[in-house]
């Protein structure tokens, strides 16, 4: 079985780069995305108090080396 030389592989790579041209200004527009209310709440960084307490408990165990 013959292994192709690097030059022939490089030729295909160069061809693939030529085909990928940047989009024109009209095509470069991004689609508008609507973010749900739940996603907005997640991004705000507000955490449920019960969950915050659980996180603190786990962090204390991790710091003490007791968490497995």
PDB file of N, CA and C in Angstrom:
ATOM      1  N   UNK A   1       0.843  -1.170   0.000  1.00  0.00           N
ATOM      2  CA  UNK A   1       0.000   0.000   0.000  1.00  0.00           C
ATOM      3  C   UNK A   1       0.892   1.239   0.000  1.00  0.00           C
ATOM      4  N   UNK A   2       0.581   2.169  -0.875  1.00  0.00           N
ATOM      5  CA  UNK A   2       1.386   3.370  -1.007  1.00  0.00           C
ATOM      6  C   UNK A   2       0.785   4.501  -0.167  1.00  0.00           C
ATOM      7  N   UNK A   3       1.620   5.160   0.594  1.00  0.00           N
ATOM      8  CA  UNK A   3       1.183   6.287   1.409  1.00  0.00           C
ATOM      9  C   UNK A   3       1.417   7.565   0.610  1.00  0.00           C
ATOM     10  N   UNK A   4       0.406   8.404   0.472  1.00  0.00           N
ATOM     11  CA  UNK A   4       0.588   9.627  -0.311  1.00  0.00           C
ATOM     12  C   UNK A   4       1.596  10.559   0.348  1.00  0.00           C
ATOM     13  N   UNK A   5       2.309  11.284  -0.475  1.00  0.00           N
ATOM     14  CA  UNK A   5       3.311  12.203   0.053  1.00  0.00           C
ATOM     15  C   UNK A   5       2.627  13.397   0.704  1.00  0.00           C
ATOM     16  N   UNK A   6       3.375  14.109   1.507  1.00  0.00           N
ATOM     17  CA  UNK A   6       2.842  15.273   2.204  1.00  0.00           C
ATOM     18  C   UNK A   6       2.394  16.344   1.214  1.00  0.00           C
ATOM     19  N   UNK A   7       3.082  16.447   0.094  1.00  0.00           N
ATOM     20  CA  UNK A   7       2.744  17.455  -0.911  1.00  0.00           C
ATOM     21  C   UNK A   7       1.344  17.279  -1.445  1.00  0.00           C
ATOM     22  N   UNK A   8       0.925  16.049  -1.677  1.00  0.00           N
ATOM     23  CA  UNK A   8      -0.424  15.828  -2.200  1.00  0.00           C
ATOM     24  C   UNK A   8      -1.477  16.115  -1.138  1.00  0.00           C
ATOM     25  N   UNK A   9      -1.181  15.828   0.099  1.00  0.00           N
ATOM     26  CA  UNK A   9      -2.113  16.138   1.185  1.00  0.00           C
ATOM     27  C   UNK A   9      -2.206  17.649   1.350  1.00  0.00           C
ATOM     28  N   UNK A  10      -1.069  18.306   1.287  1.00  0.00           N
ATOM     29  CA  UNK A  10      -1.028  19.753   1.432  1.00  0.00           C
ATOM     30  C   UNK A  10      -1.831  20.427   0.320  1.00  0.00           C
ATOM     31  N   UNK A  11      -1.837  19.845  -0.869  1.00  0.00           N
ATOM     32  CA  UNK A  11      -2.579  20.393  -2.001  1.00  0.00           C
ATOM     33  C   UNK A  11      -4.078  20.413  -1.685  1.00  0.00           C
ATOM     34  N   UNK A  12      -4.598  19.338  -1.114  1.00  0.00           N
ATOM     35  CA  UNK A  12      -6.014  19.283  -0.755  1.00  0.00           C
ATOM     36  C   UNK A  12      -6.333  20.299   0.339  1.00  0.00           C
ATOM     37  N   UNK A  13      -5.415  20.460   1.265  1.00  0.00           N
ATOM     38  CA  UNK A  13      -5.604  21.429   2.342  1.00  0.00           C
ATOM     39  C   UNK A  13      -5.690  22.842   1.772  1.00  0.00           C
ATOM     40  N   UNK A  14      -4.814  23.171   0.841  1.00  0.00           N
ATOM     41  CA  UNK A  14      -4.824  24.497   0.223  1.00  0.00           C
ATOM     42  C   UNK A  14      -6.119  24.721  -0.542  1.00  0.00           C
ATOM     43  N   UNK A  15      -6.606  23.706  -1.232  1.00  0.00           N
ATOM     44  CA  UNK A  15      -7.849  23.841  -1.983  1.00  0.00           C
ATOM     45  C   UNK A  15      -9.025  24.106  -1.045  1.00  0.00           C
ATOM     46  N   UNK A  16      -9.038  23.441   0.102  1.00  0.00           N
ATOM     47  CA  UNK A  16     -10.144  23.632   1.034  1.00  0.00           C
ATOM     48  C   UNK A  16     -10.117  25.037   1.626  1.00  0.00           C
ATOM     49  N   UNK A  17      -8.930  25.603   1.783  1.00  0.00           N
ATOM     50  CA  UNK A  17      -8.837  26.960   2.305  1.00  0.00           C
ATOM     51  C   UNK A  17      -9.332  27.979   1.288  1.00  0.00           C
ATOM     52  N   UNK A  18      -9.087  27.732   0.027  1.00  0.00           N
ATOM     53  CA  UNK A  18      -9.511  28.653  -1.017  1.00  0.00           C
ATOM     54  C   UNK A  18     -11.029  28.690  -1.106  1.00  0.00           C
ATOM     55  N   UNK A  19     -11.675  27.557  -0.917  1.00  0.00           N
ATOM     56  CA  UNK A  19     -13.129  27.479  -1.040  1.00  0.00           C
ATOM     57  C   UNK A  19     -13.845  28.207   0.093  1.00  0.00           C
ATOM     58  N   UNK A  20     -13.231  28.291   1.240  1.00  0.00           N
ATOM     59  CA  UNK A  20     -13.895  28.930   2.377  1.00  0.00           C
ATOM     60  C   UNK A  20     -13.611  30.429   2.360  1.00  0.00           C
ATOM     61  N   UNK A  21     -14.500  31.163   1.729  1.00  0.00           N
ATOM     62  CA  UNK A  21     -14.349  32.613   1.637  1.00  0.00           C
ATOM     63  C   UNK A  21     -15.220  33.269   2.695  1.00  0.00           C
ATOM     64  N   UNK A  22     -14.826  34.420   3.178  1.00  0.00           N
ATOM     65  CA  UNK A  22     -15.639  35.095   4.192  1.00  0.00           C
ATOM     66  C   UNK A  22     -16.973  35.556   3.617  1.00  0.00           C
ATOM     67  N   UNK A  23     -17.956  35.632   4.464  1.00  0.00           N
ATOM     68  CA  UNK A  23     -19.298  36.016   4.030  1.00  0.00           C
ATOM     69  C   UNK A  23     -19.338  37.499   3.690  1.00  0.00           C
ATOM     70  N   UNK A  24     -20.210  37.842   2.774  1.00  0.00           N
ATOM     71  CA  UNK A  24     -20.375  39.254   2.441  1.00  0.00           C
ATOM     72  C   UNK A  24     -21.122  39.943   3.580  1.00  0.00           C
ATOM     73  N   UNK A  25     -21.224  41.249   3.518  1.00  0.00           N
ATOM     74  CA  UNK A  25     -21.866  41.989   4.610  1.00  0.00           C
ATOM     75  C   UNK A  25     -23.302  41.538   4.838  1.00  0.00           C
ATOM     76  N   UNK A  26     -24.026  41.262   3.787  1.00  0.00           N
ATOM     77  CA  UNK A  26     -25.411  40.827   3.928  1.00  0.00           C
ATOM     78  C   UNK A  26     -25.530  39.466   4.579  1.00  0.00           C
ATOM     79  N   UNK A  27     -24.597  38.580   4.281  1.00  0.00           N
ATOM     80  CA  UNK A  27     -24.647  37.223   4.822  1.00  0.00           C
ATOM     81  C   UNK A  27     -24.068  37.148   6.225  1.00  0.00           C
ATOM     82  N   UNK A  28     -23.322  38.155   6.633  1.00  0.00           N
ATOM     83  CA  UNK A  28     -22.641  38.106   7.921  1.00  0.00           C
ATOM     84  C   UNK A  28     -23.552  38.472   9.088  1.00  0.00           C
ATOM     85  N   UNK A  29     -24.788  38.870   8.807  1.00  0.00           N
ATOM     86  CA  UNK A  29     -25.706  39.218   9.889  1.00  0.00           C
ATOM     87  C   UNK A  29     -26.001  37.988  10.741  1.00  0.00           C
ATOM     88  N   UNK A  30     -26.022  38.205  12.026  1.00  0.00           N
ATOM     89  CA  UNK A  30     -26.354  37.103  12.922  1.00  0.00           C
ATOM     90  C   UNK A  30     -27.863  37.057  13.118  1.00  0.00           C
ATOM     91  N   UNK A  31     -28.366  35.882  13.342  1.00  0.00           N
ATOM     92  CA  UNK A  31     -29.787  35.726  13.622  1.00  0.00           C
ATOM     93  C   UNK A  31     -30.091  36.299  15.003  1.00  0.00           C
ATOM     94  N   UNK A  32     -31.247  36.893  15.124  1.00  0.00           N
ATOM     95  CA  UNK A  32     -31.659  37.401  16.430  1.00  0.00           C
ATOM     96  C   UNK A  32     -32.118  36.226  17.280  1.00  0.00           C
ATOM     97  N   UNK A  33     -31.699  36.223  18.521  1.00  0.00           N
ATOM     98  CA  UNK A  33     -32.048  35.136  19.420  1.00  0.00           C
ATOM     99  C   UNK A  33     -32.792  35.721  20.610  1.00  0.00           C
ATOM    100  N   UNK A  34     -33.925  35.141  20.900  1.00  0.00           N
ATOM    101  CA  UNK A  34     -34.680  35.576  22.061  1.00  0.00           C
ATOM    102  C   UNK A  34     -34.289  34.704  23.244  1.00  0.00           C
ATOM    103  N   UNK A  35     -33.934  35.356  24.337  1.00  0.00           N
ATOM    104  CA  UNK A  35     -33.520  34.639  25.537  1.00  0.00           C
ATOM    105  C   UNK A  35     -34.733  34.513  26.451  1.00  0.00           C
ATOM    106  N   UNK A  36     -34.970  33.308  26.914  1.00  0.00           N
ATOM    107  CA  UNK A  36     -36.125  33.072  27.781  1.00  0.00           C
ATOM    108  C   UNK A  36     -35.914  33.738  29.141  1.00  0.00           C
ATOM    109  N   UNK A  37     -36.993  33.911  29.857  1.00  0.00           N
ATOM    110  CA  UNK A  37     -36.928  34.532  31.176  1.00  0.00           C
ATOM    111  C   UNK A  37     -36.090  33.676  32.127  1.00  0.00           C
ATOM    112  N   UNK A  38     -36.200  32.357  32.031  1.00  0.00           N
ATOM    113  CA  UNK A  38     -35.417  31.471  32.895  1.00  0.00           C
ATOM    114  C   UNK A  38     -33.927  31.644  32.635  1.00  0.00           C
ATOM    115  N   UNK A  39     -33.553  31.793  31.374  1.00  0.00           N
ATOM    116  CA  UNK A  39     -32.144  31.979  31.038  1.00  0.00           C
ATOM    117  C   UNK A  39     -31.635  33.314  31.567  1.00  0.00           C
ATOM    118  N   UNK A  40     -32.474  34.342  31.504  1.00  0.00           N
ATOM    119  CA  UNK A  40     -32.082  35.651  32.032  1.00  0.00           C
ATOM    120  C   UNK A  40     -31.849  35.579  33.535  1.00  0.00           C
ATOM    121  N   UNK A  41     -32.694  34.817  34.240  1.00  0.00           N
ATOM    122  CA  UNK A  41     -32.523  34.660  35.686  1.00  0.00           C
ATOM    123  C   UNK A  41     -31.237  33.905  36.005  1.00  0.00           C
ATOM    124  N   UNK A  42     -30.897  32.913  35.186  1.00  0.00           N
ATOM    125  CA  UNK A  42     -29.659  32.164  35.393  1.00  0.00           C
ATOM    126  C   UNK A  42     -28.446  33.066  35.209  1.00  0.00           C
ATOM    127  N   UNK A  43     -28.515  33.950  34.225  1.00  0.00           N
ATOM    128  CA  UNK A  43     -27.395  34.832  33.943  1.00  0.00           C
ATOM    129  C   UNK A  43     -27.226  35.907  35.005  1.00  0.00           C
ATOM    130  N   UNK A  44     -28.302  36.243  35.718  1.00  0.00           N
ATOM    131  CA  UNK A  44     -28.226  37.309  36.716  1.00  0.00           C
ATOM    132  C   UNK A  44     -27.376  36.895  37.915  1.00  0.00           C
ATOM    133  N   UNK A  45     -27.198  35.605  38.133  1.00  0.00           N
ATOM    134  CA  UNK A  45     -26.352  35.130  39.222  1.00  0.00           C
ATOM    135  C   UNK A  45     -27.092  34.944  40.533  1.00  0.00           C
ATOM    136  N   UNK A  46     -28.397  35.144  40.547  1.00  0.00           N
ATOM    137  CA  UNK A  46     -29.169  34.946  41.766  1.00  0.00           C
ATOM    138  C   UNK A  46     -29.315  33.454  42.019  1.00  0.00           C
ATOM    139  N   UNK A  47     -29.045  33.049  43.272  1.00  0.00           N
ATOM    140  CA  UNK A  47     -29.105  31.637  43.621  1.00  0.00           C
ATOM    141  C   UNK A  47     -30.164  31.449  44.702  1.00  0.00           C
ATOM    142  N   UNK A  48     -30.890  30.361  44.596  1.00  0.00           N
ATOM    143  CA  UNK A  48     -31.896  30.008  45.588  1.00  0.00           C
ATOM    144  C   UNK A  48     -31.213  29.889  46.954  1.00  0.00           C
ATOM    145  N   UNK A  49     -31.801  30.434  48.036  1.00  0.00           N
ATOM    146  CA  UNK A  49     -31.155  30.378  49.358  1.00  0.00           C
ATOM    147  C   UNK A  49     -30.824  28.958  49.821  1.00  0.00           C
ATOM    148  N   UNK A  50     -31.707  27.995  49.576  1.00  0.00           N
ATOM    149  CA  UNK A  50     -31.437  26.611  49.982  1.00  0.00           C
ATOM    150  C   UNK A  50     -30.241  26.060  49.211  1.00  0.00           C
ATOM    151  N   UNK A  51     -30.176  26.401  47.951  1.00  0.00           N
ATOM    152  CA  UNK A  51     -29.054  25.933  47.137  1.00  0.00           C
ATOM    153  C   UNK A  51     -27.753  26.605  47.588  1.00  0.00           C
ATOM    154  N   UNK A  52     -27.821  27.886  47.934  1.00  0.00           N
ATOM    155  CA  UNK A  52     -26.643  28.607  48.417  1.00  0.00           C
ATOM    156  C   UNK A  52     -26.118  27.969  49.704  1.00  0.00           C
ATOM    157  N   UNK A  53     -27.030  27.575  50.592  1.00  0.00           N
ATOM    158  CA  UNK A  53     -26.630  26.929  51.839  1.00  0.00           C
ATOM    159  C   UNK A  53     -25.945  25.591  51.550  1.00  0.00           C
ATOM    160  N   UNK A  54     -26.493  24.825  50.632  1.00  0.00           N
ATOM    161  CA  UNK A  54     -25.910  23.529  50.262  1.00  0.00           C
ATOM    162  C   UNK A  54     -24.521  23.720  49.660  1.00  0.00           C
ATOM    163  N   UNK A  55     -24.359  24.744  48.854  1.00  0.00           N
ATOM    164  CA  UNK A  55     -23.046  25.035  48.258  1.00  0.00           C
ATOM    165  C   UNK A  55     -22.038  25.365  49.350  1.00  0.00           C
ATOM    166  N   UNK A  56     -22.455  26.154  50.330  1.00  0.00           N
ATOM    167  CA  UNK A  56     -21.557  26.513  51.429  1.00  0.00           C
ATOM    168  C   UNK A  56     -21.171  25.290  52.253  1.00  0.00           C
ATOM    169  N   UNK A  57     -22.139  24.387  52.496  1.00  0.00           N
ATOM    170  CA  UNK A  57     -21.840  23.158  53.233  1.00  0.00           C
ATOM    171  C   UNK A  57     -20.820  22.304  52.480  1.00  0.00           C
ATOM    172  N   UNK A  58     -21.042  22.148  51.189  1.00  0.00           N
ATOM    173  CA  UNK A  58     -20.110  21.355  50.383  1.00  0.00           C
ATOM    174  C   UNK A  58     -18.733  22.004  50.336  1.00  0.00           C
ATOM    175  N   UNK A  59     -18.693  23.336  50.219  1.00  0.00           N
ATOM    176  CA  UNK A  59     -17.409  24.034  50.173  1.00  0.00           C
ATOM    177  C   UNK A  59     -16.643  23.833  51.474  1.00  0.00           C
ATOM    178  N   UNK A  60     -17.356  23.861  52.613  1.00  0.00           N
ATOM    179  CA  UNK A  60     -16.715  23.642  53.907  1.00  0.00           C
ATOM    180  C   UNK A  60     -16.143  22.227  53.991  1.00  0.00           C
ATOM    181  N   UNK A  61     -16.893  21.224  53.499  1.00  0.00           N
ATOM    182  CA  UNK A  61     -16.404  19.845  53.506  1.00  0.00           C
ATOM    183  C   UNK A  61     -15.188  19.686  52.595  1.00  0.00           C
ATOM    184  N   UNK A  62     -15.230  20.332  51.447  1.00  0.00           N
ATOM    185  CA  UNK A  62     -14.105  20.248  50.509  1.00  0.00           C
ATOM    186  C   UNK A  62     -12.868  20.873  51.126  1.00  0.00           C
ATOM    187  N   UNK A  63     -13.034  22.042  51.746  1.00  0.00           N
ATOM    188  CA  UNK A  63     -11.898  22.727  52.369  1.00  0.00           C
ATOM    189  C   UNK A  63     -11.314  21.914  53.517  1.00  0.00           C
ATOM    190  N   UNK A  64     -12.176  21.191  54.251  1.00  0.00           N
ATOM    191  CA  UNK A  64     -11.713  20.375  55.372  1.00  0.00           C
ATOM    192  C   UNK A  64     -11.155  19.031  54.909  1.00  0.00           C
ATOM    193  N   UNK A  65     -11.361  18.689  53.651  1.00  0.00           N
ATOM    194  CA  UNK A  65     -10.864  17.420  53.127  1.00  0.00           C
ATOM    195  C   UNK A  65     -11.767  16.249  53.445  1.00  0.00           C
ATOM    196  N   UNK A  66     -13.005  16.504  53.813  1.00  0.00           N
ATOM    197  CA  UNK A  66     -13.937  15.448  54.182  1.00  0.00           C
ATOM    198  C   UNK A  66     -14.838  15.013  53.032  1.00  0.00           C
ATOM    199  N   UNK A  67     -14.884  15.791  51.977  1.00  0.00           N
ATOM    200  CA  UNK A  67     -15.790  15.479  50.864  1.00  0.00           C
ATOM    201  C   UNK A  67     -15.203  14.387  49.990  1.00  0.00           C
ATOM    202  N   UNK A  68     -16.022  13.389  49.647  1.00  0.00           N
ATOM    203  CA  UNK A  68     -15.557  12.296  48.788  1.00  0.00           C
ATOM    204  C   UNK A  68     -16.510  12.113  47.654  1.00  0.00           C
TER     205      UNK A  68
END
